[in-house]
Amino acid sequence: MSLLLEALRKRGWTVRESNGSTPLLPDAVKARYPSVPSAVTDFLERIEVCCNADENVWFLTAEDFRKTDEDGFRWNEYELMALEGDEGNRDAQAATRAFWNEHLPIMLAVHSDYDYIAVRVAEPNAGSIVHGFAPEWEEPSPVARSFAVFLESLAAEASSSNPEYPYSAFL
């Protein structure tokens, strides 16, 4: 964790660690996602703020998962946008909900195509990390087989002067 956070700081990110006393997910979100890997919650609970200098890329934190106001991005904003786009099409909305029930977003980027990084919380490949973007949010690409591998790769790419895609979209 410290290697990644130091590499992000060197890239100009604002990083504030938290005391970890607030659970990452509020009860309603935890009920929807009962099997989030502990590595994910342990990491994100230790972060109060982790965003780039332009504040258009960030890791989701306990505070983000508690936002409910419509002013600003909520943790599930991409799902809400997709549902709005599918208004009147019950089958499409059901498919959108089913997808997001299996993918918990953990990192958002709003500077271009509304990219996200999510952890898959259902089999097959539970615990793997995926990347997606608008308008086809529900068609993500695999990024890493586990959160630990994702953090290692993100740290390496953050230390690079020319990060590879999809990491470059977040750095």
N, C-alpha and C. Protein backbone atom coordinates (compact mmCIF):
# COMPACT_ATOMS: atom_id res chain seq x y z
N MET A 1 0.83 -1.19 0.00
CA MET A 1 0.00 0.00 0.00
C MET A 1 0.87 1.25 0.00
N SER A 2 1.90 1.26 0.83
CA SER A 2 2.72 2.47 0.93
C SER A 2 3.44 2.78 -0.37
N LEU A 3 3.87 1.75 -1.13
CA LEU A 3 4.52 2.00 -2.41
C LEU A 3 3.57 2.67 -3.38
N LEU A 4 2.33 2.20 -3.44
CA LEU A 4 1.35 2.80 -4.33
C LEU A 4 1.05 4.23 -3.92
N LEU A 5 0.78 4.46 -2.65
CA LEU A 5 0.42 5.80 -2.20
C LEU A 5 1.57 6.78 -2.41
N GLU A 6 2.80 6.33 -2.21
CA GLU A 6 3.96 7.20 -2.44
C GLU A 6 4.09 7.52 -3.93
N ALA A 7 3.89 6.51 -4.79
CA ALA A 7 3.96 6.75 -6.24
C ALA A 7 2.87 7.72 -6.68
N LEU A 8 1.68 7.61 -6.12
CA LEU A 8 0.59 8.53 -6.47
C LEU A 8 0.92 9.95 -5.98
N ARG A 9 1.46 10.06 -4.78
CA ARG A 9 1.85 11.39 -4.27
C ARG A 9 2.87 12.04 -5.21
N LYS A 10 3.83 11.25 -5.69
CA LYS A 10 4.84 11.79 -6.61
C LYS A 10 4.22 12.25 -7.93
N ARG A 11 3.07 11.70 -8.27
CA ARG A 11 2.35 12.12 -9.49
C ARG A 11 1.44 13.31 -9.21
N GLY A 12 1.47 13.83 -7.98
CA GLY A 12 0.68 15.01 -7.65
C GLY A 12 -0.68 14.71 -7.05
N TRP A 13 -0.90 13.46 -6.68
CA TRP A 13 -2.18 13.09 -6.07
C TRP A 13 -2.26 13.59 -4.63
N THR A 14 -3.48 13.88 -4.21
CA THR A 14 -3.76 14.16 -2.81
C THR A 14 -4.10 12.83 -2.16
N VAL A 15 -3.33 12.47 -1.15
CA VAL A 15 -3.54 11.22 -0.45
C VAL A 15 -3.57 11.52 1.05
N ARG A 16 -4.71 11.22 1.66
CA ARG A 16 -4.83 11.32 3.12
C ARG A 16 -5.30 9.97 3.64
N GLU A 17 -4.50 9.43 4.52
CA GLU A 17 -4.89 8.15 5.11
C GLU A 17 -5.83 8.41 6.27
N SER A 18 -6.70 7.43 6.51
CA SER A 18 -7.69 7.56 7.57
C SER A 18 -7.31 6.67 8.74
N ASN A 19 -8.03 6.83 9.83
CA ASN A 19 -7.78 5.96 10.98
C ASN A 19 -8.48 4.61 10.81
N GLY A 20 -9.29 4.48 9.76
CA GLY A 20 -9.93 3.20 9.46
C GLY A 20 -11.05 2.82 10.39
N SER A 21 -11.57 3.77 11.16
CA SER A 21 -12.61 3.42 12.13
C SER A 21 -14.00 3.35 11.51
N THR A 22 -14.19 3.94 10.32
CA THR A 22 -15.48 3.90 9.64
C THR A 22 -15.46 2.74 8.65
N PRO A 23 -16.42 1.82 8.76
CA PRO A 23 -16.47 0.73 7.79
C PRO A 23 -16.62 1.30 6.38
N LEU A 24 -16.03 0.65 5.41
CA LEU A 24 -16.07 1.13 4.03
C LEU A 24 -17.51 1.25 3.54
N LEU A 25 -18.28 0.21 3.72
CA LEU A 25 -19.62 0.17 3.15
C LEU A 25 -20.69 0.37 4.21
N PRO A 26 -21.63 1.30 3.96
CA PRO A 26 -22.77 1.41 4.86
C PRO A 26 -23.64 0.15 4.73
N ASP A 27 -24.54 -0.05 5.67
CA ASP A 27 -25.33 -1.29 5.72
C ASP A 27 -26.05 -1.60 4.42
N ALA A 28 -26.68 -0.61 3.79
CA ALA A 28 -27.44 -0.87 2.56
C ALA A 28 -26.53 -1.35 1.43
N VAL A 29 -25.34 -0.77 1.32
CA VAL A 29 -24.40 -1.18 0.27
C VAL A 29 -23.80 -2.53 0.61
N LYS A 30 -23.52 -2.75 1.88
CA LYS A 30 -22.97 -4.04 2.32
C LYS A 30 -23.98 -5.17 2.07
N ALA A 31 -25.26 -4.88 2.25
CA ALA A 31 -26.29 -5.89 1.99
C ALA A 31 -26.31 -6.26 0.51
N ARG A 32 -26.08 -5.29 -0.35
CA ARG A 32 -26.06 -5.55 -1.79
C ARG A 32 -24.79 -6.29 -2.20
N TYR A 33 -23.69 -6.01 -1.52
CA TYR A 33 -22.39 -6.60 -1.85
C TYR A 33 -21.84 -7.32 -0.62
N PRO A 34 -22.39 -8.48 -0.27
CA PRO A 34 -21.95 -9.14 0.97
C PRO A 34 -20.59 -9.82 0.88
N SER A 35 -20.05 -10.00 -0.33
CA SER A 35 -18.80 -10.77 -0.44
C SER A 35 -17.68 -9.98 -1.10
N VAL A 36 -17.48 -8.75 -0.65
CA VAL A 36 -16.35 -7.95 -1.13
C VAL A 36 -15.08 -8.52 -0.48
N PRO A 37 -14.05 -8.78 -1.27
CA PRO A 37 -12.81 -9.31 -0.68
C PRO A 37 -12.27 -8.38 0.42
N SER A 38 -11.81 -8.98 1.49
CA SER A 38 -11.31 -8.18 2.62
C SER A 38 -10.12 -7.31 2.23
N ALA A 39 -9.33 -7.74 1.25
CA ALA A 39 -8.20 -6.92 0.80
C ALA A 39 -8.68 -5.58 0.26
N VAL A 40 -9.83 -5.58 -0.41
CA VAL A 40 -10.40 -4.35 -0.96
C VAL A 40 -10.87 -3.44 0.18
N THR A 41 -11.66 -3.99 1.08
CA THR A 41 -12.18 -3.15 2.18
C THR A 41 -11.05 -2.68 3.08
N ASP A 42 -10.08 -3.54 3.36
CA ASP A 42 -8.95 -3.14 4.21
C ASP A 42 -8.20 -1.96 3.61
N PHE A 43 -7.94 -2.01 2.31
CA PHE A 43 -7.21 -0.93 1.64
C PHE A 43 -8.03 0.36 1.63
N LEU A 44 -9.26 0.28 1.16
CA LEU A 44 -10.07 1.49 1.01
C LEU A 44 -10.47 2.11 2.35
N GLU A 45 -10.61 1.31 3.38
CA GLU A 45 -10.92 1.85 4.71
C GLU A 45 -9.76 2.67 5.26
N ARG A 46 -8.57 2.43 4.77
CA ARG A 46 -7.38 3.15 5.26
C ARG A 46 -7.14 4.45 4.52
N ILE A 47 -8.05 4.78 3.58
CA ILE A 47 -7.89 6.01 2.80
C ILE A 47 -9.06 6.95 3.10
N GLU A 48 -8.72 8.18 3.43
CA GLU A 48 -9.74 9.22 3.60
C GLU A 48 -9.97 9.93 2.27
N VAL A 49 -8.88 10.25 1.58
CA VAL A 49 -8.92 10.90 0.27
C VAL A 49 -7.77 10.34 -0.56
N CYS A 50 -8.05 10.03 -1.83
CA CYS A 50 -7.00 9.60 -2.75
C CYS A 50 -7.47 9.97 -4.15
N CYS A 51 -7.05 11.18 -4.59
CA CYS A 51 -7.50 11.69 -5.89
C CYS A 51 -6.36 12.41 -6.59
N ASN A 52 -6.47 12.49 -7.91
CA ASN A 52 -5.44 13.19 -8.67
C ASN A 52 -5.57 14.70 -8.47
N ALA A 53 -4.61 15.45 -8.97
CA ALA A 53 -4.56 16.90 -8.75
C ALA A 53 -5.78 17.61 -9.33
N ASP A 54 -6.32 17.10 -10.43
CA ASP A 54 -7.49 17.72 -11.05
C ASP A 54 -8.81 17.28 -10.40
N GLU A 55 -8.72 16.37 -9.46
CA GLU A 55 -9.89 15.82 -8.76
C GLU A 55 -10.90 15.21 -9.72
N ASN A 56 -10.39 14.59 -10.78
CA ASN A 56 -11.29 13.92 -11.72
C ASN A 56 -11.00 12.42 -11.83
N VAL A 57 -10.13 11.92 -10.95
CA VAL A 57 -9.88 10.49 -10.79
C VAL A 57 -9.72 10.26 -9.29
N TRP A 58 -10.38 9.23 -8.76
CA TRP A 58 -10.26 8.97 -7.34
C TRP A 58 -10.65 7.54 -6.99
N PHE A 59 -10.06 7.08 -5.88
CA PHE A 59 -10.50 5.84 -5.25
C PHE A 59 -11.75 6.18 -4.45
N LEU A 60 -12.73 5.30 -4.44
CA LEU A 60 -13.92 5.49 -3.63
C LEU A 60 -13.58 5.16 -2.18
N THR A 61 -14.05 6.00 -1.29
CA THR A 61 -13.76 5.87 0.14
C THR A 61 -15.06 5.67 0.91
N ALA A 62 -14.94 5.49 2.21
CA ALA A 62 -16.13 5.33 3.06
C ALA A 62 -17.07 6.52 2.89
N GLU A 63 -16.52 7.72 2.78
CA GLU A 63 -17.36 8.90 2.58
C GLU A 63 -18.11 8.84 1.25
N ASP A 64 -17.43 8.40 0.21
CA ASP A 64 -18.08 8.30 -1.11
C ASP A 64 -19.25 7.31 -1.08
N PHE A 65 -19.07 6.20 -0.40
CA PHE A 65 -20.13 5.19 -0.35
C PHE A 65 -21.32 5.65 0.48
N ARG A 66 -21.20 6.77 1.17
CA ARG A 66 -22.30 7.30 1.96
C ARG A 66 -22.98 8.51 1.32
N LYS A 67 -22.47 8.99 0.20
CA LYS A 67 -23.08 10.13 -0.49
C LYS A 67 -24.41 9.72 -1.09
N THR A 68 -25.41 10.55 -0.86
CA THR A 68 -26.72 10.28 -1.43
C THR A 68 -27.27 11.48 -2.20
N ASP A 69 -26.63 12.64 -2.05
CA ASP A 69 -27.14 13.83 -2.74
C ASP A 69 -26.82 13.74 -4.23
N GLU A 70 -27.62 14.44 -5.02
CA GLU A 70 -27.45 14.40 -6.46
C GLU A 70 -26.43 15.40 -6.96
N ASP A 71 -25.87 16.22 -6.07
CA ASP A 71 -24.84 17.18 -6.44
C ASP A 71 -23.48 16.51 -6.30
N GLY A 72 -22.92 16.09 -7.39
CA GLY A 72 -21.64 15.40 -7.36
C GLY A 72 -21.84 13.93 -7.68
N PHE A 73 -20.76 13.23 -7.80
CA PHE A 73 -20.80 11.82 -8.16
C PHE A 73 -20.99 10.94 -6.94
N ARG A 74 -22.02 10.12 -7.00
CA ARG A 74 -22.24 9.09 -6.00
C ARG A 74 -21.45 7.85 -6.41
N TRP A 75 -21.24 6.95 -5.50
CA TRP A 75 -20.43 5.77 -5.76
C TRP A 75 -21.00 4.94 -6.92
N ASN A 76 -22.32 4.96 -7.11
CA ASN A 76 -22.96 4.17 -8.15
C ASN A 76 -23.49 5.05 -9.28
N GLU A 77 -22.85 6.18 -9.51
CA GLU A 77 -23.32 7.15 -10.50
C GLU A 77 -23.41 6.55 -11.90
N TYR A 78 -22.46 5.72 -12.28
CA TYR A 78 -22.47 5.15 -13.62
C TYR A 78 -23.67 4.21 -13.80
N GLU A 79 -23.97 3.45 -12.78
CA GLU A 79 -25.16 2.60 -12.83
C GLU A 79 -26.42 3.47 -12.97
N LEU A 80 -26.50 4.53 -12.19
CA LEU A 80 -27.66 5.42 -12.26
C LEU A 80 -27.79 6.06 -13.64
N MET A 81 -26.66 6.45 -14.23
CA MET A 81 -26.68 7.02 -15.57
C MET A 81 -27.16 6.00 -16.60
N ALA A 82 -26.68 4.76 -16.47
CA ALA A 82 -27.10 3.71 -17.40
C ALA A 82 -28.59 3.42 -17.25
N LEU A 83 -29.07 3.37 -16.03
CA LEU A 83 -30.50 3.12 -15.81
C LEU A 83 -31.34 4.24 -16.41
N GLU A 84 -30.87 5.46 -16.26
CA GLU A 84 -31.58 6.60 -16.85
C GLU A 84 -31.60 6.47 -18.38
N GLY A 85 -30.50 6.06 -18.96
CA GLY A 85 -30.43 5.88 -20.40
C GLY A 85 -31.32 4.74 -20.90
N ASP A 86 -31.59 3.79 -20.02
CA ASP A 86 -32.45 2.65 -20.36
C ASP A 86 -33.90 2.87 -19.95
N GLU A 87 -34.25 4.10 -19.58
CA GLU A 87 -35.59 4.39 -19.10
C GLU A 87 -36.64 3.88 -20.10
N GLY A 88 -37.63 3.17 -19.56
CA GLY A 88 -38.68 2.62 -20.40
C GLY A 88 -38.38 1.24 -20.93
N ASN A 89 -37.16 0.76 -20.75
CA ASN A 89 -36.78 -0.57 -21.23
C ASN A 89 -36.47 -1.43 -20.00
N ARG A 90 -37.48 -2.14 -19.52
CA ARG A 90 -37.35 -2.91 -18.28
C ARG A 90 -36.28 -3.99 -18.38
N ASP A 91 -36.18 -4.64 -19.54
CA ASP A 91 -35.18 -5.69 -19.70
C ASP A 91 -33.76 -5.12 -19.62
N ALA A 92 -33.54 -3.99 -20.28
CA ALA A 92 -32.22 -3.35 -20.24
C ALA A 92 -31.89 -2.89 -18.83
N GLN A 93 -32.87 -2.35 -18.12
CA GLN A 93 -32.62 -1.91 -16.74
C GLN A 93 -32.32 -3.11 -15.84
N ALA A 94 -33.01 -4.21 -16.05
CA ALA A 94 -32.74 -5.42 -15.26
C ALA A 94 -31.32 -5.92 -15.52
N ALA A 95 -30.90 -5.88 -16.78
CA ALA A 95 -29.54 -6.32 -17.12
C ALA A 95 -28.50 -5.39 -16.50
N THR A 96 -28.78 -4.10 -16.51
CA THR A 96 -27.87 -3.13 -15.90
C THR A 96 -27.74 -3.40 -14.41
N ARG A 97 -28.86 -3.57 -13.73
CA ARG A 97 -28.83 -3.86 -12.29
C ARG A 97 -28.08 -5.16 -12.00
N ALA A 98 -28.34 -6.18 -12.80
CA ALA A 98 -27.67 -7.47 -12.61
C ALA A 98 -26.15 -7.33 -12.75
N PHE A 99 -25.72 -6.57 -13.74
CA PHE A 99 -24.28 -6.35 -13.92
C PHE A 99 -23.68 -5.68 -12.69
N TRP A 100 -24.29 -4.58 -12.25
CA TRP A 100 -23.72 -3.82 -11.13
C TRP A 100 -23.87 -4.57 -9.82
N ASN A 101 -24.80 -5.51 -9.71
CA ASN A 101 -24.88 -6.35 -8.51
C ASN A 101 -23.65 -7.24 -8.40
N GLU A 102 -22.98 -7.48 -9.51
CA GLU A 102 -21.81 -8.36 -9.53
C GLU A 102 -20.49 -7.59 -9.60
N HIS A 103 -20.54 -6.26 -9.67
CA HIS A 103 -19.33 -5.44 -9.81
C HIS A 103 -19.42 -4.22 -8.90
N LEU A 104 -18.54 -4.14 -7.94
CA LEU A 104 -18.49 -2.99 -7.04
C LEU A 104 -17.43 -2.02 -7.54
N PRO A 105 -17.84 -0.82 -7.96
CA PRO A 105 -16.84 0.15 -8.40
C PRO A 105 -15.97 0.58 -7.22
N ILE A 106 -14.66 0.73 -7.48
CA ILE A 106 -13.74 1.15 -6.43
C ILE A 106 -12.90 2.35 -6.84
N MET A 107 -12.92 2.68 -8.14
CA MET A 107 -12.13 3.80 -8.64
C MET A 107 -12.87 4.39 -9.83
N LEU A 108 -12.98 5.73 -9.86
CA LEU A 108 -13.70 6.41 -10.93
C LEU A 108 -12.81 7.45 -11.60
N ALA A 109 -13.05 7.66 -12.89
CA ALA A 109 -12.38 8.71 -13.66
C ALA A 109 -13.46 9.41 -14.48
N VAL A 110 -13.55 10.72 -14.35
CA VAL A 110 -14.62 11.46 -15.03
C VAL A 110 -14.07 12.44 -16.07
N HIS A 111 -12.80 12.33 -16.40
CA HIS A 111 -12.18 13.28 -17.34
C HIS A 111 -12.42 12.94 -18.80
N SER A 112 -12.89 11.76 -19.10
CA SER A 112 -13.05 11.41 -20.51
C SER A 112 -14.30 10.55 -20.71
N ASP A 113 -14.13 9.25 -20.69
CA ASP A 113 -15.22 8.33 -21.00
C ASP A 113 -15.88 7.72 -19.77
N TYR A 114 -15.81 8.41 -18.65
CA TYR A 114 -16.39 7.87 -17.41
C TYR A 114 -15.89 6.45 -17.16
N ASP A 115 -14.58 6.33 -17.06
CA ASP A 115 -13.95 5.05 -16.78
C ASP A 115 -14.17 4.65 -15.33
N TYR A 116 -14.10 3.35 -15.09
CA TYR A 116 -14.16 2.84 -13.72
C TYR A 116 -13.28 1.60 -13.60
N ILE A 117 -12.88 1.36 -12.38
CA ILE A 117 -12.27 0.10 -11.97
C ILE A 117 -13.23 -0.50 -10.96
N ALA A 118 -13.53 -1.79 -11.11
CA ALA A 118 -14.45 -2.46 -10.20
C ALA A 118 -13.89 -3.82 -9.81
N VAL A 119 -14.33 -4.28 -8.65
CA VAL A 119 -14.02 -5.64 -8.23
C VAL A 119 -15.24 -6.50 -8.53
N ARG A 120 -14.98 -7.63 -9.14
CA ARG A 120 -16.07 -8.58 -9.42
C ARG A 120 -16.34 -9.34 -8.13
N VAL A 121 -17.60 -9.34 -7.71
CA VAL A 121 -17.96 -9.95 -6.42
C VAL A 121 -18.77 -11.24 -6.60
N ALA A 122 -18.86 -11.73 -7.83
CA ALA A 122 -19.61 -12.96 -8.11
C ALA A 122 -18.75 -13.89 -8.96
N GLU A 123 -19.05 -15.16 -8.87
CA GLU A 123 -18.39 -16.14 -9.73
C GLU A 123 -18.98 -16.06 -11.12
N PRO A 124 -18.26 -16.39 -12.15
CA PRO A 124 -16.85 -16.78 -12.10
C PRO A 124 -15.94 -15.57 -11.89
N ASN A 125 -14.74 -15.84 -11.48
CA ASN A 125 -13.70 -14.82 -11.32
C ASN A 125 -13.97 -13.83 -10.21
N ALA A 126 -14.66 -14.25 -9.15
CA ALA A 126 -14.87 -13.36 -8.01
C ALA A 126 -13.53 -12.89 -7.48
N GLY A 127 -13.46 -11.60 -7.16
CA GLY A 127 -12.22 -11.01 -6.65
C GLY A 127 -11.34 -10.41 -7.73
N SER A 128 -11.67 -10.67 -8.98
CA SER A 128 -10.87 -10.09 -10.06
C SER A 128 -11.22 -8.62 -10.23
N ILE A 129 -10.35 -7.91 -10.92
CA ILE A 129 -10.52 -6.47 -11.13
C ILE A 129 -10.76 -6.24 -12.62
N VAL A 130 -11.76 -5.38 -12.91
CA VAL A 130 -12.12 -5.09 -14.29
C VAL A 130 -12.13 -3.58 -14.52
N HIS A 131 -12.04 -3.22 -15.79
CA HIS A 131 -12.09 -1.82 -16.23
C HIS A 131 -13.18 -1.68 -17.27
N GLY A 132 -13.99 -0.62 -17.12
CA GLY A 132 -15.01 -0.34 -18.10
C GLY A 132 -15.17 1.16 -18.29
N PHE A 133 -15.95 1.54 -19.29
CA PHE A 133 -16.16 2.96 -19.57
C PHE A 133 -17.44 3.12 -20.38
N ALA A 134 -17.93 4.35 -20.44
CA ALA A 134 -19.16 4.67 -21.16
C ALA A 134 -18.92 4.60 -22.66
N PRO A 135 -19.93 4.31 -23.42
CA PRO A 135 -21.30 4.05 -23.00
C PRO A 135 -21.57 2.58 -22.70
N GLU A 136 -20.58 1.72 -22.87
CA GLU A 136 -20.76 0.28 -22.66
C GLU A 136 -20.21 -0.15 -21.30
N TRP A 137 -20.72 0.46 -20.24
CA TRP A 137 -20.22 0.14 -18.90
C TRP A 137 -20.29 -1.34 -18.57
N GLU A 138 -21.30 -2.01 -19.10
CA GLU A 138 -21.52 -3.41 -18.74
C GLU A 138 -20.69 -4.38 -19.58
N GLU A 139 -19.68 -3.88 -20.27
CA GLU A 139 -18.79 -4.73 -21.06
C GLU A 139 -17.34 -4.47 -20.66
N PRO A 140 -16.99 -4.77 -19.41
CA PRO A 140 -15.64 -4.45 -18.94
C PRO A 140 -14.58 -5.41 -19.47
N SER A 141 -13.34 -4.97 -19.34
CA SER A 141 -12.18 -5.80 -19.69
C SER A 141 -11.47 -6.20 -18.40
N PRO A 142 -10.95 -7.41 -18.36
CA PRO A 142 -10.19 -7.83 -17.18
C PRO A 142 -8.91 -7.01 -17.04
N VAL A 143 -8.56 -6.69 -15.79
CA VAL A 143 -7.35 -5.93 -15.51
C VAL A 143 -6.38 -6.77 -14.68
N ALA A 144 -6.89 -7.42 -13.64
CA ALA A 144 -6.03 -8.21 -12.75
C ALA A 144 -6.85 -9.34 -12.13
N ARG A 145 -6.18 -10.44 -11.83
CA ARG A 145 -6.90 -11.58 -11.26
C ARG A 145 -7.25 -11.39 -9.79
N SER A 146 -6.61 -10.40 -9.15
CA SER A 146 -6.90 -10.12 -7.74
C SER A 146 -6.62 -8.65 -7.44
N PHE A 147 -7.10 -8.20 -6.31
CA PHE A 147 -6.87 -6.83 -5.89
C PHE A 147 -5.39 -6.60 -5.60
N ALA A 148 -4.74 -7.57 -5.00
CA ALA A 148 -3.31 -7.44 -4.70
C ALA A 148 -2.50 -7.25 -5.99
N VAL A 149 -2.81 -8.02 -7.01
CA VAL A 149 -2.10 -7.88 -8.30
C VAL A 149 -2.41 -6.52 -8.90
N PHE A 150 -3.66 -6.07 -8.80
CA PHE A 150 -4.03 -4.74 -9.30
C PHE A 150 -3.21 -3.65 -8.61
N LEU A 151 -3.11 -3.70 -7.28
CA LEU A 151 -2.36 -2.67 -6.55
C LEU A 151 -0.89 -2.67 -6.95
N GLU A 152 -0.31 -3.85 -7.11
CA GLU A 152 1.09 -3.94 -7.53
C GLU A 152 1.27 -3.32 -8.93
N SER A 153 0.36 -3.67 -9.83
CA SER A 153 0.46 -3.14 -11.19
C SER A 153 0.23 -1.64 -11.23
N LEU A 154 -0.75 -1.17 -10.47
CA LEU A 154 -1.02 0.27 -10.43
C LEU A 154 0.19 1.02 -9.86
N ALA A 155 0.82 0.48 -8.83
CA ALA A 155 2.02 1.12 -8.26
C ALA A 155 3.13 1.18 -9.30
N ALA A 156 3.34 0.10 -10.03
CA ALA A 156 4.39 0.08 -11.06
C ALA A 156 4.07 1.08 -12.17
N GLU A 157 2.83 1.12 -12.60
CA GLU A 157 2.45 2.05 -13.67
C GLU A 157 2.50 3.50 -13.19
N ALA A 158 2.15 3.74 -11.92
CA ALA A 158 2.20 5.09 -11.36
C ALA A 158 3.64 5.59 -11.29
N SER A 159 4.58 4.67 -11.18
CA SER A 159 6.00 5.04 -11.13
C SER A 159 6.60 5.21 -12.52
N SER A 160 5.84 4.84 -13.54
CA SER A 160 6.32 4.90 -14.92
C SER A 160 6.04 6.28 -15.52
N SER A 161 6.91 6.70 -16.43
CA SER A 161 6.67 7.96 -17.12
C SER A 161 5.67 7.78 -18.27
N ASN A 162 5.40 6.54 -18.63
CA ASN A 162 4.47 6.26 -19.72
C ASN A 162 3.60 5.05 -19.35
N PRO A 163 2.62 5.24 -18.44
CA PRO A 163 1.80 4.11 -17.99
C PRO A 163 0.99 3.48 -19.12
N GLU A 164 0.82 2.17 -19.02
CA GLU A 164 0.06 1.43 -20.01
C GLU A 164 -1.43 1.55 -19.74
N TYR A 165 -2.21 1.39 -20.81
CA TYR A 165 -3.67 1.37 -20.71
C TYR A 165 -4.10 0.04 -20.09
N PRO A 166 -5.07 0.01 -19.23
CA PRO A 166 -6.00 1.08 -18.84
C PRO A 166 -5.51 1.95 -17.69
N TYR A 167 -4.36 1.60 -17.10
CA TYR A 167 -3.86 2.38 -15.97
C TYR A 167 -3.68 3.85 -16.33
N SER A 168 -3.28 4.10 -17.57
CA SER A 168 -3.06 5.49 -18.00
C SER A 168 -4.32 6.33 -17.87
N ALA A 169 -5.48 5.73 -17.99
CA ALA A 169 -6.74 6.48 -17.86
C ALA A 169 -6.97 6.96 -16.43
N PHE A 170 -6.27 6.33 -15.49
CA PHE A 170 -6.45 6.67 -14.08
C PHE A 170 -5.26 7.43 -13.50
N LEU A 171 -4.20 7.58 -14.28
CA LEU A 171 -3.00 8.24 -13.77
C LEU A 171 -2.76 9.54 -14.51
